[in-house]
Amino acid sequence: MSRAIPIVMDQGALSEAARAGARTHAHDDDPSRPLPGPAPAWVRVGDTTISEAEIAREMQYHRAADPHAARNEAARALVVRELLRLEIERLGLHETVQPEDGETREEACIRVLLEREAPVPQPDEAACRQYFEHNRQRLHHPDRILARHILLAAPPADARARARACEQGEALIAELREHPERFAELAMRHSGCPSRDAGGELGWIERGDTTPEFERQLFMLKPGLAGLTVESRWGHHVVHVDAIERGEPLEFAEAAPKIAAYLETQARQNAIHQYLRLLAERYPVSGLDDFV
């Protein structure tokens, strides 16, 4: 479902509301007493208001480093949910739809609504072949890397331990530059990974085989000893890439199922995007800049 629903925050109004709340509590003998009146609401879908309290509760499902980004994502999700709820109610789907395979009734109604109102055409062979011809360089068997590593383990939340692991890793890299033949020995002495018993050998690695953040950095390396440690949730890794094999190009018969799945996903996203625009015309959305 599309989430490209920018939210406009009236900072002035929010700031004024916050100041008013602060003034109220400054003279309140009972600090446990809730603020008088309803929570402020700047977003509306049809006749339904979405309050800042509702958005705040939804934010726990939309984590982000920037709280404003989390707030915006939460507001978008609530707007989309309300648009779908209003249309389900208008069509009376709650009385006719039966959940399947552990679905909630809401999930079942949304599924039926989108299947009926935003159908997705299946890509035919001509469309798949056209995509294949224009994207041959992207369609290949998985790349793979033959690598060794020394894991200097440190808990994610222990900043000091992770700093020490990084320093130790840098010292090992300096030593290995002078004595590359000692990699297996140093792995057996220092690594916190079971691969230490094999001298740090990880074997051939394809995408999806390892921890995502380690893998993302690993596939950016060139053959040889990495000049910096590779950090992951487990700690810092000293990495040596022994070989890189680029995947062979796929033939059309091999690529066709993946292409069809990709084109179907794109078509579904476009169909939902257009359907949400239609619903926003039926149930006007305010408090947003450009909806979907």
C-alpha atoms as a PDB file:
ATOM      1  CA  MET A   1       0.000   0.000   0.000  1.00  0.00           C
ATOM      2  CA  SER A   2       1.400   3.425  -0.892  1.00  0.00           C
ATOM      3  CA  ARG A   3       2.615   5.545   1.997  1.00  0.00           C
ATOM      4  CA  ALA A   4       3.551   8.653  -0.002  1.00  0.00           C
ATOM      5  CA  ILE A   5       1.072  10.851   1.866  1.00  0.00           C
ATOM      6  CA  PRO A   6       2.893  13.990   3.045  1.00  0.00           C
ATOM      7  CA  ILE A   7       1.590  15.546   6.260  1.00  0.00           C
ATOM      8  CA  VAL A   8       1.572  19.268   6.967  1.00  0.00           C
ATOM      9  CA  MET A   9       2.150  20.049  10.647  1.00  0.00           C
ATOM     10  CA  ASP A  10       0.877  23.401  11.846  1.00  0.00           C
ATOM     11  CA  GLN A  11       3.814  24.072  14.143  1.00  0.00           C
ATOM     12  CA  GLY A  12       2.400  27.352  15.315  1.00  0.00           C
ATOM     13  CA  ALA A  13      -0.867  25.811  16.395  1.00  0.00           C
ATOM     14  CA  LEU A  14       0.877  22.882  18.012  1.00  0.00           C
ATOM     15  CA  SER A  15       3.243  25.189  19.878  1.00  0.00           C
ATOM     16  CA  GLU A  16       0.346  27.312  21.109  1.00  0.00           C
ATOM     17  CA  ALA A  17      -1.535  24.209  22.253  1.00  0.00           C
ATOM     18  CA  ALA A  18       1.564  23.026  24.111  1.00  0.00           C
ATOM     19  CA  ARG A  19       1.992  26.417  25.805  1.00  0.00           C
ATOM     20  CA  ALA A  20      -1.654  26.433  26.807  1.00  0.00           C
ATOM     21  CA  GLY A  21      -1.282  22.968  28.305  1.00  0.00           C
ATOM     22  CA  ALA A  22       1.812  24.056  30.219  1.00  0.00           C
ATOM     23  CA  ARG A  23      -0.049  27.066  31.646  1.00  0.00           C
ATOM     24  CA  THR A  24      -2.920  24.821  32.713  1.00  0.00           C
ATOM     25  CA  HIS A  25      -0.648  22.422  34.598  1.00  0.00           C
ATOM     26  CA  ALA A  26       1.308  25.243  36.199  1.00  0.00           C
ATOM     27  CA  HIS A  27      -1.767  26.010  38.356  1.00  0.00           C
ATOM     28  CA  ASP A  28      -3.107  22.441  38.709  1.00  0.00           C
ATOM     29  CA  ASP A  29      -2.905  21.041  42.225  1.00  0.00           C
ATOM     30  CA  ASP A  30      -3.461  17.500  40.908  1.00  0.00           C
ATOM     31  CA  PRO A  31      -0.782  16.686  38.289  1.00  0.00           C
ATOM     32  CA  SER A  32      -2.452  13.351  37.553  1.00  0.00           C
ATOM     33  CA  ARG A  33      -5.575  15.077  36.254  1.00  0.00           C
ATOM     34  CA  PRO A  34      -5.798  14.916  32.399  1.00  0.00           C
ATOM     35  CA  LEU A  35      -5.867  18.087  30.373  1.00  0.00           C
ATOM     36  CA  PRO A  36      -9.386  19.431  29.857  1.00  0.00           C
ATOM     37  CA  GLY A  37     -11.053  19.003  26.471  1.00  0.00           C
ATOM     38  CA  PRO A  38     -10.322  16.634  23.596  1.00  0.00           C
ATOM     39  CA  ALA A  39      -6.870  16.049  22.137  1.00  0.00           C
ATOM     40  CA  PRO A  40      -6.058  18.462  19.280  1.00  0.00           C
ATOM     41  CA  ALA A  41      -6.743  17.171  15.778  1.00  0.00           C
ATOM     42  CA  TRP A  42      -5.335  18.591  12.557  1.00  0.00           C
ATOM     43  CA  VAL A  43      -6.097  15.710  10.188  1.00  0.00           C
ATOM     44  CA  ARG A  44      -9.593  14.875   8.944  1.00  0.00           C
ATOM     45  CA  VAL A  45     -10.943  12.191   6.580  1.00  0.00           C
ATOM     46  CA  GLY A  46     -14.504  12.921   5.489  1.00  0.00           C
ATOM     47  CA  ASP A  47     -16.369  13.606   8.733  1.00  0.00           C
ATOM     48  CA  THR A  48     -13.812  11.719  10.833  1.00  0.00           C
ATOM     49  CA  THR A  49     -11.106  13.540  12.780  1.00  0.00           C
ATOM     50  CA  ILE A  50      -7.793  11.884  13.591  1.00  0.00           C
ATOM     51  CA  SER A  51      -6.472  13.305  16.845  1.00  0.00           C
ATOM     52  CA  GLU A  52      -2.863  13.819  17.837  1.00  0.00           C
ATOM     53  CA  ALA A  53      -3.465  11.288  20.621  1.00  0.00           C
ATOM     54  CA  GLU A  54      -4.364   8.619  18.042  1.00  0.00           C
ATOM     55  CA  ILE A  55      -1.321   9.516  15.969  1.00  0.00           C
ATOM     56  CA  ALA A  56       0.897   9.322  19.064  1.00  0.00           C
ATOM     57  CA  ARG A  57      -0.384   5.808  19.828  1.00  0.00           C
ATOM     58  CA  GLU A  58       0.203   4.723  16.216  1.00  0.00           C
ATOM     59  CA  MET A  59       3.791   6.044  16.257  1.00  0.00           C
ATOM     60  CA  GLN A  60       5.025   2.970  18.155  1.00  0.00           C
ATOM     61  CA  TYR A  61       4.576   1.015  14.897  1.00  0.00           C
ATOM     62  CA  HIS A  62       6.523   3.554  12.796  1.00  0.00           C
ATOM     63  CA  ARG A  63       9.934   3.885  14.430  1.00  0.00           C
ATOM     64  CA  ALA A  64      12.246   6.558  13.033  1.00  0.00           C
ATOM     65  CA  ALA A  65      15.258   8.517  14.234  1.00  0.00           C
ATOM     66  CA  ASP A  66      13.322  11.739  13.631  1.00  0.00           C
ATOM     67  CA  PRO A  67      10.103  11.909  15.723  1.00  0.00           C
ATOM     68  CA  HIS A  68       8.496  14.165  13.094  1.00  0.00           C
ATOM     69  CA  ALA A  69       9.090  11.460  10.455  1.00  0.00           C
ATOM     70  CA  ALA A  70       7.562   8.852  12.775  1.00  0.00           C
ATOM     71  CA  ARG A  71       4.571  11.135  13.360  1.00  0.00           C
ATOM     72  CA  ASN A  72       4.096  11.637   9.628  1.00  0.00           C
ATOM     73  CA  GLU A  73       4.238   7.914   8.878  1.00  0.00           C
ATOM     74  CA  ALA A  74       1.749   7.208  11.666  1.00  0.00           C
ATOM     75  CA  ALA A  75      -0.641   9.873  10.361  1.00  0.00           C
ATOM     76  CA  ARG A  76      -0.405   8.478   6.812  1.00  0.00           C
ATOM     77  CA  ALA A  77      -1.219   4.984   8.035  1.00  0.00           C
ATOM     78  CA  LEU A  78      -4.275   6.203   9.960  1.00  0.00           C
ATOM     79  CA  VAL A  79      -5.539   8.222   6.987  1.00  0.00           C
ATOM     80  CA  VAL A  80      -5.296   5.221   4.651  1.00  0.00           C
ATOM     81  CA  ARG A  81      -6.940   2.947   7.216  1.00  0.00           C
ATOM     82  CA  GLU A  82      -9.823   5.387   7.667  1.00  0.00           C
ATOM     83  CA  LEU A  83     -10.361   5.772   3.908  1.00  0.00           C
ATOM     84  CA  LEU A  84     -10.599   2.003   3.549  1.00  0.00           C
ATOM     85  CA  ARG A  85     -12.843   1.701   6.613  1.00  0.00           C
ATOM     86  CA  LEU A  86     -15.294   4.257   5.283  1.00  0.00           C
ATOM     87  CA  GLU A  87     -15.507   2.520   1.904  1.00  0.00           C
ATOM     88  CA  ILE A  88     -15.931  -0.909   3.511  1.00  0.00           C
ATOM     89  CA  GLU A  89     -18.761   0.528   5.586  1.00  0.00           C
ATOM     90  CA  ARG A  90     -20.398   2.143   2.530  1.00  0.00           C
ATOM     91  CA  LEU A  91     -20.315  -1.141   0.599  1.00  0.00           C
ATOM     92  CA  GLY A  92     -21.494  -3.198   3.589  1.00  0.00           C
ATOM     93  CA  LEU A  93     -18.603  -5.650   3.302  1.00  0.00           C
ATOM     94  CA  HIS A  94     -18.565  -6.423   7.020  1.00  0.00           C
ATOM     95  CA  GLU A  95     -21.833  -8.355   6.592  1.00  0.00           C
ATOM     96  CA  THR A  96     -20.654 -10.489   3.677  1.00  0.00           C
ATOM     97  CA  VAL A  97     -16.903 -11.076   3.951  1.00  0.00           C
ATOM     98  CA  GLN A  98     -15.536 -14.094   5.801  1.00  0.00           C
ATOM     99  CA  PRO A  99     -11.913 -14.082   7.066  1.00  0.00           C
ATOM    100  CA  GLU A 100      -9.480 -16.667   5.684  1.00  0.00           C
ATOM    101  CA  ASP A 101      -6.266 -18.226   7.019  1.00  0.00           C
ATOM    102  CA  GLY A 102      -6.120 -16.398  10.343  1.00  0.00           C
ATOM    103  CA  GLU A 103      -7.138 -12.983   8.972  1.00  0.00           C
ATOM    104  CA  THR A 104      -8.968 -10.508  11.159  1.00  0.00           C
ATOM    105  CA  ARG A 105     -12.287  -9.325   9.787  1.00  0.00           C
ATOM    106  CA  GLU A 106     -10.745  -5.935   9.007  1.00  0.00           C
ATOM    107  CA  GLU A 107      -7.911  -7.566   7.036  1.00  0.00           C
ATOM    108  CA  ALA A 108     -10.378  -9.750   5.143  1.00  0.00           C
ATOM    109  CA  CYS A 109     -12.553  -6.762   4.240  1.00  0.00           C
ATOM    110  CA  ILE A 110      -9.535  -4.792   2.992  1.00  0.00           C
ATOM    111  CA  ARG A 111      -8.378  -7.762   0.909  1.00  0.00           C
ATOM    112  CA  VAL A 112     -11.796  -8.203  -0.715  1.00  0.00           C
ATOM    113  CA  LEU A 113     -12.197  -4.458  -1.250  1.00  0.00           C
ATOM    114  CA  LEU A 114      -8.863  -4.129  -3.054  1.00  0.00           C
ATOM    115  CA  GLU A 115      -9.391  -7.297  -5.089  1.00  0.00           C
ATOM    116  CA  ARG A 116     -12.735  -5.971  -6.260  1.00  0.00           C
ATOM    117  CA  GLU A 117     -12.050  -2.257  -6.676  1.00  0.00           C
ATOM    118  CA  ALA A 118      -8.326  -2.203  -7.558  1.00  0.00           C
ATOM    119  CA  PRO A 119      -7.783  -5.344  -9.660  1.00  0.00           C
ATOM    120  CA  VAL A 120      -4.266  -6.054 -10.903  1.00  0.00           C
ATOM    121  CA  PRO A 121      -3.778  -7.364 -14.464  1.00  0.00           C
ATOM    122  CA  GLN A 122      -1.357 -10.274 -14.824  1.00  0.00           C
ATOM    123  CA  PRO A 123       1.727  -9.344 -16.891  1.00  0.00           C
ATOM    124  CA  ASP A 124       1.800 -11.222 -20.199  1.00  0.00           C
ATOM    125  CA  GLU A 125       4.842 -12.693 -21.933  1.00  0.00           C
ATOM    126  CA  ALA A 126       5.279  -9.634 -24.144  1.00  0.00           C
ATOM    127  CA  ALA A 127       5.571  -7.355 -21.112  1.00  0.00           C
ATOM    128  CA  CYS A 128       8.020  -9.728 -19.442  1.00  0.00           C
ATOM    129  CA  ARG A 129      10.169  -9.980 -22.583  1.00  0.00           C
ATOM    130  CA  GLN A 130      10.235  -6.199 -22.946  1.00  0.00           C
ATOM    131  CA  TYR A 131      11.443  -5.824 -19.364  1.00  0.00           C
ATOM    132  CA  PHE A 132      14.027  -8.588 -19.929  1.00  0.00           C
ATOM    133  CA  GLU A 133      15.473  -6.881 -23.005  1.00  0.00           C
ATOM    134  CA  HIS A 134      15.781  -3.522 -21.233  1.00  0.00           C
ATOM    135  CA  ASN A 135      17.262  -4.904 -17.992  1.00  0.00           C
ATOM    136  CA  ARG A 136      19.569  -7.746 -19.009  1.00  0.00           C
ATOM    137  CA  GLN A 137      22.456  -6.327 -16.944  1.00  0.00           C
ATOM    138  CA  ARG A 138      20.368  -6.588 -13.765  1.00  0.00           C
ATOM    139  CA  LEU A 139      19.203 -10.147 -14.384  1.00  0.00           C
ATOM    140  CA  HIS A 140      21.857 -12.637 -13.381  1.00  0.00           C
ATOM    141  CA  HIS A 141      22.534 -15.463 -10.974  1.00  0.00           C
ATOM    142  CA  PRO A 142      23.543 -14.294  -7.474  1.00  0.00           C
ATOM    143  CA  ASP A 143      27.015 -12.884  -6.965  1.00  0.00           C
ATOM    144  CA  ARG A 144      29.023 -14.680  -4.303  1.00  0.00           C
ATOM    145  CA  ILE A 145      32.065 -13.923  -2.194  1.00  0.00           C
ATOM    146  CA  LEU A 146      34.659 -16.216  -0.630  1.00  0.00           C
ATOM    147  CA  ALA A 147      35.719 -14.604   2.639  1.00  0.00           C
ATOM    148  CA  ARG A 148      37.438 -15.014   5.987  1.00  0.00           C
ATOM    149  CA  HIS A 149      36.839 -12.955   9.108  1.00  0.00           C
ATOM    150  CA  ILE A 150      37.843 -12.359  12.711  1.00  0.00           C
ATOM    151  CA  LEU A 151      34.889 -11.332  14.878  1.00  0.00           C
ATOM    152  CA  LEU A 152      35.743  -9.046  17.776  1.00  0.00           C
ATOM    153  CA  ALA A 153      32.511  -9.477  19.683  1.00  0.00           C
ATOM    154  CA  ALA A 154      30.806  -6.613  21.542  1.00  0.00           C
ATOM    155  CA  PRO A 155      27.182  -6.142  22.691  1.00  0.00           C
ATOM    156  CA  PRO A 156      25.204  -3.611  20.593  1.00  0.00           C
ATOM    157  CA  ALA A 157      24.391  -1.390  23.591  1.00  0.00           C
ATOM    158  CA  ASP A 158      27.914  -1.358  25.092  1.00  0.00           C
ATOM    159  CA  ALA A 159      29.586   1.652  23.456  1.00  0.00           C
ATOM    160  CA  ARG A 160      32.875   1.171  25.294  1.00  0.00           C
ATOM    161  CA  ALA A 161      33.126  -2.493  24.359  1.00  0.00           C
ATOM    162  CA  ARG A 162      32.404  -1.670  20.732  1.00  0.00           C
ATOM    163  CA  ALA A 163      35.046   1.072  20.720  1.00  0.00           C
ATOM    164  CA  ARG A 164      37.585  -1.395  22.143  1.00  0.00           C
ATOM    165  CA  ALA A 165      36.597  -3.972  19.517  1.00  0.00           C
ATOM    166  CA  CYS A 166      37.114  -1.408  16.753  1.00  0.00           C
ATOM    167  CA  GLU A 167      40.545  -0.453  18.119  1.00  0.00           C
ATOM    168  CA  GLN A 168      41.563  -4.105  18.408  1.00  0.00           C
ATOM    169  CA  GLY A 169      40.348  -4.707  14.859  1.00  0.00           C
ATOM    170  CA  GLU A 170      42.425  -1.822  13.527  1.00  0.00           C
ATOM    171  CA  ALA A 171      45.481  -3.194  15.322  1.00  0.00           C
ATOM    172  CA  LEU A 172      44.910  -6.636  13.788  1.00  0.00           C
ATOM    173  CA  ILE A 173      44.525  -5.108  10.312  1.00  0.00           C
ATOM    174  CA  ALA A 174      47.865  -3.322  10.748  1.00  0.00           C
ATOM    175  CA  GLU A 175      49.489  -6.573  11.837  1.00  0.00           C
ATOM    176  CA  LEU A 176      47.991  -8.527   8.928  1.00  0.00           C
ATOM    177  CA  ARG A 177      49.286  -5.983   6.439  1.00  0.00           C
ATOM    178  CA  GLU A 178      52.762  -6.940   7.608  1.00  0.00           C
ATOM    179  CA  HIS A 179      52.081 -10.652   8.107  1.00  0.00           C
ATOM    180  CA  PRO A 180      49.101 -11.788   5.978  1.00  0.00           C
ATOM    181  CA  GLU A 181      50.036 -15.449   6.555  1.00  0.00           C
ATOM    182  CA  ARG A 182      48.989 -15.100  10.235  1.00  0.00           C
ATOM    183  CA  PHE A 183      45.259 -14.623   9.518  1.00  0.00           C
ATOM    184  CA  ALA A 184      44.246 -18.153  10.591  1.00  0.00           C
ATOM    185  CA  GLU A 185      46.375 -17.966  13.720  1.00  0.00           C
ATOM    186  CA  LEU A 186      44.893 -14.601  14.755  1.00  0.00           C
ATOM    187  CA  ALA A 187      41.362 -15.819  14.027  1.00  0.00           C
ATOM    188  CA  MET A 188      41.842 -18.818  16.309  1.00  0.00           C
ATOM    189  CA  ARG A 189      43.223 -16.550  19.043  1.00  0.00           C
ATOM    190  CA  HIS A 190      40.827 -13.595  18.871  1.00  0.00           C
ATOM    191  CA  SER A 191      37.619 -14.403  16.956  1.00  0.00           C
ATOM    192  CA  GLY A 192      34.298 -14.722  18.789  1.00  0.00           C
ATOM    193  CA  CYS A 193      32.759 -16.680  15.883  1.00  0.00           C
ATOM    194  CA  PRO A 194      32.702 -20.502  15.662  1.00  0.00           C
ATOM    195  CA  SER A 195      34.501 -20.085  12.327  1.00  0.00           C
ATOM    196  CA  ARG A 196      37.665 -19.468  14.367  1.00  0.00           C
ATOM    197  CA  ASP A 197      38.194 -23.250  14.464  1.00  0.00           C
ATOM    198  CA  ALA A 198      38.542 -23.123  10.665  1.00  0.00           C
ATOM    199  CA  GLY A 199      40.871 -20.124  10.709  1.00  0.00           C
ATOM    200  CA  GLY A 200      37.979 -17.685  10.179  1.00  0.00           C
ATOM    201  CA  GLU A 201      36.833 -19.277   6.903  1.00  0.00           C
ATOM    202  CA  LEU A 202      33.226 -18.366   6.023  1.00  0.00           C
ATOM    203  CA  GLY A 203      33.118 -20.167   2.675  1.00  0.00           C
ATOM    204  CA  TRP A 204      31.117 -18.844  -0.259  1.00  0.00           C
ATOM    205  CA  ILE A 205      28.511 -16.251   0.721  1.00  0.00           C
ATOM    206  CA  GLU A 206      25.525 -15.153  -1.373  1.00  0.00           C
ATOM    207  CA  ARG A 207      23.132 -12.320  -0.615  1.00  0.00           C
ATOM    208  CA  GLY A 208      20.742 -13.356   2.127  1.00  0.00           C
ATOM    209  CA  ASP A 209      23.160 -15.811   3.764  1.00  0.00           C
ATOM    210  CA  THR A 210      24.370 -13.562   6.589  1.00  0.00           C
ATOM    211  CA  THR A 211      23.406 -10.693   8.870  1.00  0.00           C
ATOM    212  CA  PRO A 212      22.086  -7.899   6.582  1.00  0.00           C
ATOM    213  CA  GLU A 213      24.359  -5.091   7.768  1.00  0.00           C
ATOM    214  CA  PHE A 214      27.453  -7.321   7.531  1.00  0.00           C
ATOM    215  CA  GLU A 215      26.445  -8.572   4.105  1.00  0.00           C
ATOM    216  CA  ARG A 216      25.706  -5.077   2.781  1.00  0.00           C
ATOM    217  CA  GLN A 217      29.266  -3.963   3.553  1.00  0.00           C
ATOM    218  CA  LEU A 218      30.850  -7.262   2.519  1.00  0.00           C
ATOM    219  CA  PHE A 219      29.509  -6.996  -1.042  1.00  0.00           C
ATOM    220  CA  MET A 220      31.052  -3.525  -1.371  1.00  0.00           C
ATOM    221  CA  LEU A 221      34.587  -4.809  -0.689  1.00  0.00           C
ATOM    222  CA  LYS A 222      37.300  -5.615  -3.207  1.00  0.00           C
ATOM    223  CA  PRO A 223      39.483  -8.734  -3.054  1.00  0.00           C
ATOM    224  CA  GLY A 224      42.081  -8.642  -0.295  1.00  0.00           C
ATOM    225  CA  LEU A 225      42.220  -7.422   3.297  1.00  0.00           C
ATOM    226  CA  ALA A 226      39.604  -4.774   4.131  1.00  0.00           C
ATOM    227  CA  GLY A 227      41.267  -1.539   5.254  1.00  0.00           C
ATOM    228  CA  LEU A 228      38.663  -0.903   7.974  1.00  0.00           C
ATOM    229  CA  THR A 229      36.657  -3.150  10.257  1.00  0.00           C
ATOM    230  CA  VAL A 230      33.153  -4.130   9.193  1.00  0.00           C
ATOM    231  CA  GLU A 231      30.662  -3.361  11.966  1.00  0.00           C
ATOM    232  CA  SER A 232      27.591  -5.508  12.631  1.00  0.00           C
ATOM    233  CA  ARG A 233      25.228  -6.161  15.519  1.00  0.00           C
ATOM    234  CA  TRP A 234      27.744  -8.782  16.719  1.00  0.00           C
ATOM    235  CA  GLY A 235      30.721  -6.423  16.942  1.00  0.00           C
ATOM    236  CA  HIS A 236      33.566  -5.514  14.589  1.00  0.00           C
ATOM    237  CA  HIS A 237      34.912  -7.861  11.910  1.00  0.00           C
ATOM    238  CA  VAL A 238      38.342  -8.001  10.332  1.00  0.00           C
ATOM    239  CA  VAL A 239      37.573  -9.258   6.819  1.00  0.00           C
ATOM    240  CA  HIS A 240      39.657 -10.734   4.031  1.00  0.00           C
ATOM    241  CA  VAL A 241      37.940 -11.297   0.657  1.00  0.00           C
ATOM    242  CA  ASP A 242      39.607 -14.222  -1.124  1.00  0.00           C
ATOM    243  CA  ALA A 243      37.518 -14.194  -4.302  1.00  0.00           C
ATOM    244  CA  ILE A 244      34.460 -12.613  -5.926  1.00  0.00           C
ATOM    245  CA  GLU A 245      32.340 -14.402  -8.509  1.00  0.00           C
ATOM    246  CA  ARG A 246      29.795 -12.429 -10.493  1.00  0.00           C
ATOM    247  CA  GLY A 247      26.658 -14.343 -11.318  1.00  0.00           C
ATOM    248  CA  GLU A 248      26.127 -15.535 -14.881  1.00  0.00           C
ATOM    249  CA  PRO A 249      23.391 -13.778 -16.912  1.00  0.00           C
ATOM    250  CA  LEU A 250      19.953 -15.364 -16.700  1.00  0.00           C
ATOM    251  CA  GLU A 251      18.197 -16.731 -19.745  1.00  0.00           C
ATOM    252  CA  PHE A 252      14.651 -15.460 -20.328  1.00  0.00           C
ATOM    253  CA  ALA A 253      13.082 -18.755 -19.172  1.00  0.00           C
ATOM    254  CA  GLU A 254      14.962 -18.466 -15.869  1.00  0.00           C
ATOM    255  CA  ALA A 255      14.182 -14.785 -15.377  1.00  0.00           C
ATOM    256  CA  ALA A 256      10.520 -14.803 -16.464  1.00  0.00           C
ATOM    257  CA  PRO A 257       8.964 -15.831 -13.078  1.00  0.00           C
ATOM    258  CA  LYS A 258      10.923 -13.133 -11.230  1.00  0.00           C
ATOM    259  CA  ILE A 259      10.073 -10.526 -13.849  1.00  0.00           C
ATOM    260  CA  ALA A 260       6.376 -11.410 -13.721  1.00  0.00           C
ATOM    261  CA  ALA A 261       6.339 -11.167  -9.914  1.00  0.00           C
ATOM    262  CA  TYR A 262       8.095  -7.791 -10.042  1.00  0.00           C
ATOM    263  CA  LEU A 263       5.763  -6.367 -12.700  1.00  0.00           C
ATOM    264  CA  GLU A 264       2.731  -7.620 -10.787  1.00  0.00           C
ATOM    265  CA  THR A 265       3.966  -5.925  -7.599  1.00  0.00           C
ATOM    266  CA  GLN A 266       4.501  -2.650  -9.453  1.00  0.00           C
ATOM    267  CA  ALA A 267       1.047  -2.874 -11.035  1.00  0.00           C
ATOM    268  CA  ARG A 268      -0.532  -3.575  -7.639  1.00  0.00           C
ATOM    269  CA  GLN A 269       1.163  -0.557  -6.060  1.00  0.00           C
ATOM    270  CA  ASN A 270       0.011   1.670  -8.918  1.00  0.00           C
ATOM    271  CA  ALA A 271      -3.543   0.336  -8.718  1.00  0.00           C
ATOM    272  CA  ILE A 272      -3.731   0.942  -4.959  1.00  0.00           C
ATOM    273  CA  HIS A 273      -2.220   4.390  -5.394  1.00  0.00           C
ATOM    274  CA  GLN A 274      -4.886   5.350  -7.935  1.00  0.00           C
ATOM    275  CA  TYR A 275      -7.659   3.812  -5.829  1.00  0.00           C
ATOM    276  CA  LEU A 276      -6.628   5.807  -2.760  1.00  0.00           C
ATOM    277  CA  ARG A 277      -6.766   8.974  -4.851  1.00  0.00           C
ATOM    278  CA  LEU A 278     -10.327   8.076  -5.839  1.00  0.00           C
ATOM    279  CA  LEU A 279     -11.289   7.457  -2.201  1.00  0.00           C
ATOM    280  CA  ALA A 280      -9.752  10.784  -1.195  1.00  0.00           C
ATOM    281  CA  GLU A 281     -12.106  12.485  -3.638  1.00  0.00           C
ATOM    282  CA  ARG A 282     -15.072  10.635  -2.134  1.00  0.00           C
ATOM    283  CA  TYR A 283     -13.978  11.315   1.455  1.00  0.00           C
ATOM    284  CA  PRO A 284     -12.019  14.603   1.360  1.00  0.00           C
ATOM    285  CA  VAL A 285      -8.792  14.588   3.324  1.00  0.00           C
ATOM    286  CA  SER A 286      -7.669  17.753   5.106  1.00  0.00           C
ATOM    287  CA  GLY A 287      -4.530  18.420   7.092  1.00  0.00           C
ATOM    288  CA  LEU A 288      -2.416  16.914   4.293  1.00  0.00           C
ATOM    289  CA  ASP A 289      -0.460  18.609   1.531  1.00  0.00           C
ATOM    290  CA  ASP A 290      -0.558  16.284  -1.482  1.00  0.00           C
ATOM    291  CA  PHE A 291      -2.427  13.063  -0.867  1.00  0.00           C
ATOM    292  CA  VAL A 292      -0.736   9.943  -2.391  1.00  0.00           C
END
